[in-house]
C-alpha atoms as a PDB file:
ATOM      1  CA  UNK A   1     104.661 114.143-147.919  1.00  0.00           C
ATOM      2  CA  UNK A   2     102.018 112.707-146.279  1.00  0.00           C
ATOM      3  CA  UNK A   3     102.100 109.555-148.750  1.00  0.00           C
ATOM      4  CA  UNK A   4     106.165 108.833-148.013  1.00  0.00           C
ATOM      5  CA  UNK A   5     105.171 108.031-144.287  1.00  0.00           C
ATOM      6  CA  UNK A   6     102.263 106.352-145.548  1.00  0.00           C
ATOM      7  CA  UNK A   7     104.583 103.678-147.636  1.00  0.00           C
ATOM      8  CA  UNK A   8     107.520 104.112-144.742  1.00  0.00           C
ATOM      9  CA  UNK A   9     104.598 103.150-142.369  1.00  0.00           C
ATOM     10  CA  UNK A  10     103.512  99.880-144.703  1.00  0.00           C
ATOM     11  CA  UNK A  11     106.976  98.756-145.601  1.00  0.00           C
ATOM     12  CA  UNK A  12     108.193  99.412-141.371  1.00  0.00           C
ATOM     13  CA  UNK A  13     105.269  96.849-140.766  1.00  0.00           C
ATOM     14  CA  UNK A  14     105.101  93.515-142.872  1.00  0.00           C
ATOM     15  CA  UNK A  15     109.622  93.747-142.268  1.00  0.00           C
ATOM     16  CA  UNK A  16     108.394  93.992-138.565  1.00  0.00           C
ATOM     17  CA  UNK A  17     105.561  91.191-138.641  1.00  0.00           C
ATOM     18  CA  UNK A  18     108.404  89.156-140.867  1.00  0.00           C
ATOM     19  CA  UNK A  19     111.033  88.818-139.040  1.00  0.00           C
ATOM     20  CA  UNK A  20     108.863  89.036-135.458  1.00  0.00           C
ATOM     21  CA  UNK A  21     107.598  85.535-137.499  1.00  0.00           C
ATOM     22  CA  UNK A  22     110.773  85.098-138.278  1.00  0.00           C
ATOM     23  CA  UNK A  23     111.940  84.276-134.516  1.00  0.00           C
ATOM     24  CA  UNK A  24     112.619  80.974-132.919  1.00  0.00           C
ATOM     25  CA  UNK A  25     110.727  80.775-129.560  1.00  0.00           C
ATOM     26  CA  UNK A  26     112.236  78.941-127.019  1.00  0.00           C
ATOM     27  CA  UNK A  27     110.080  77.580-124.215  1.00  0.00           C
ATOM     28  CA  UNK A  28     109.003  79.154-121.124  1.00  0.00           C
ATOM     29  CA  UNK A  29     110.454  77.288-118.439  1.00  0.00           C
ATOM     30  CA  UNK A  30     113.987  76.294-120.868  1.00  0.00           C
ATOM     31  CA  UNK A  31     115.413  77.170-117.311  1.00  0.00           C
ATOM     32  CA  UNK A  32     114.851  75.531-114.652  1.00  0.00           C
ATOM     33  CA  UNK A  33     115.287  76.290-111.093  1.00  0.00           C
ATOM     34  CA  UNK A  34     118.633  75.528-109.853  1.00  0.00           C
ATOM     35  CA  UNK A  35     120.042  73.870-112.967  1.00  0.00           C
ATOM     36  CA  UNK A  36     122.809  77.186-113.674  1.00  0.00           C
ATOM     37  CA  UNK A  37     121.765  77.867-116.981  1.00  0.00           C
ATOM     38  CA  UNK A  38     121.672  81.088-117.579  1.00  0.00           C
ATOM     39  CA  UNK A  39     123.492  80.815-120.438  1.00  0.00           C
ATOM     40  CA  UNK A  40     120.066  80.869-121.833  1.00  0.00           C
ATOM     41  CA  UNK A  41     119.456  84.565-122.430  1.00  0.00           C
ATOM     42  CA  UNK A  42     122.307  85.091-123.927  1.00  0.00           C
ATOM     43  CA  UNK A  43     121.983  86.826-128.036  1.00  0.00           C
ATOM     44  CA  UNK A  44     124.349  85.880-130.545  1.00  0.00           C
ATOM     45  CA  UNK A  45     124.852  85.429-134.463  1.00  0.00           C
ATOM     46  CA  UNK A  46     121.084  85.121-136.039  1.00  0.00           C
ATOM     47  CA  UNK A  47     119.351  85.148-133.286  1.00  0.00           C
ATOM     48  CA  UNK A  48     121.022  88.851-131.818  1.00  0.00           C
ATOM     49  CA  UNK A  49     120.658  90.265-135.487  1.00  0.00           C
ATOM     50  CA  UNK A  50     117.176  89.371-135.403  1.00  0.00           C
ATOM     51  CA  UNK A  51     116.491  90.806-132.285  1.00  0.00           C
ATOM     52  CA  UNK A  52     118.620  94.148-133.463  1.00  0.00           C
ATOM     53  CA  UNK A  53     116.662  94.711-136.111  1.00  0.00           C
ATOM     54  CA  UNK A  54     113.284  94.458-133.868  1.00  0.00           C
ATOM     55  CA  UNK A  55     114.184  96.834-132.219  1.00  0.00           C
ATOM     56  CA  UNK A  56     115.100  99.294-135.365  1.00  0.00           C
ATOM     57  CA  UNK A  57     112.221  98.844-137.140  1.00  0.00           C
ATOM     58  CA  UNK A  58     109.802  98.664-133.872  1.00  0.00           C
ATOM     59  CA  UNK A  59     111.890 102.333-133.108  1.00  0.00           C
ATOM     60  CA  UNK A  60     111.357 103.393-137.540  1.00  0.00           C
ATOM     61  CA  UNK A  61     107.083 101.925-136.463  1.00  0.00           C
ATOM     62  CA  UNK A  62     107.045 104.318-133.679  1.00  0.00           C
ATOM     63  CA  UNK A  63     108.769 107.478-135.897  1.00  0.00           C
ATOM     64  CA  UNK A  64     105.997 107.234-138.721  1.00  0.00           C
ATOM     65  CA  UNK A  65     103.481 106.453-136.474  1.00  0.00           C
ATOM     66  CA  UNK A  66     104.361 109.348-134.520  1.00  0.00           C
ATOM     67  CA  UNK A  67     104.596 111.530-137.760  1.00  0.00           C
ATOM     68  CA  UNK A  68     102.066 111.250-139.405  1.00  0.00           C
ATOM     69  CA  UNK A  69      99.645 111.643-136.932  1.00  0.00           C
ATOM     70  CA  UNK A  70     100.985 114.718-136.940  1.00  0.00           C
ATOM     71  CA  UNK A  71     101.351 115.154-139.972  1.00  0.00           C
ATOM     72  CA  UNK A  72      97.873 113.879-140.666  1.00  0.00           C
END
């Protein structure tokens, strides 16, 4: 069981790193005050899918880490 958890941690960590690297980064001042350009906060299409996948993998990694801690 512990070996299965370790392999799960390895796979989720690699996938999580890959997804974070793939995500595009916006400029830190992309929304200037007074422009009213608040649509940049919405995620659509592939960006939304990557965001959701990042959250799912982060939760899976956390659960596996806690399980590894208590079982190890």
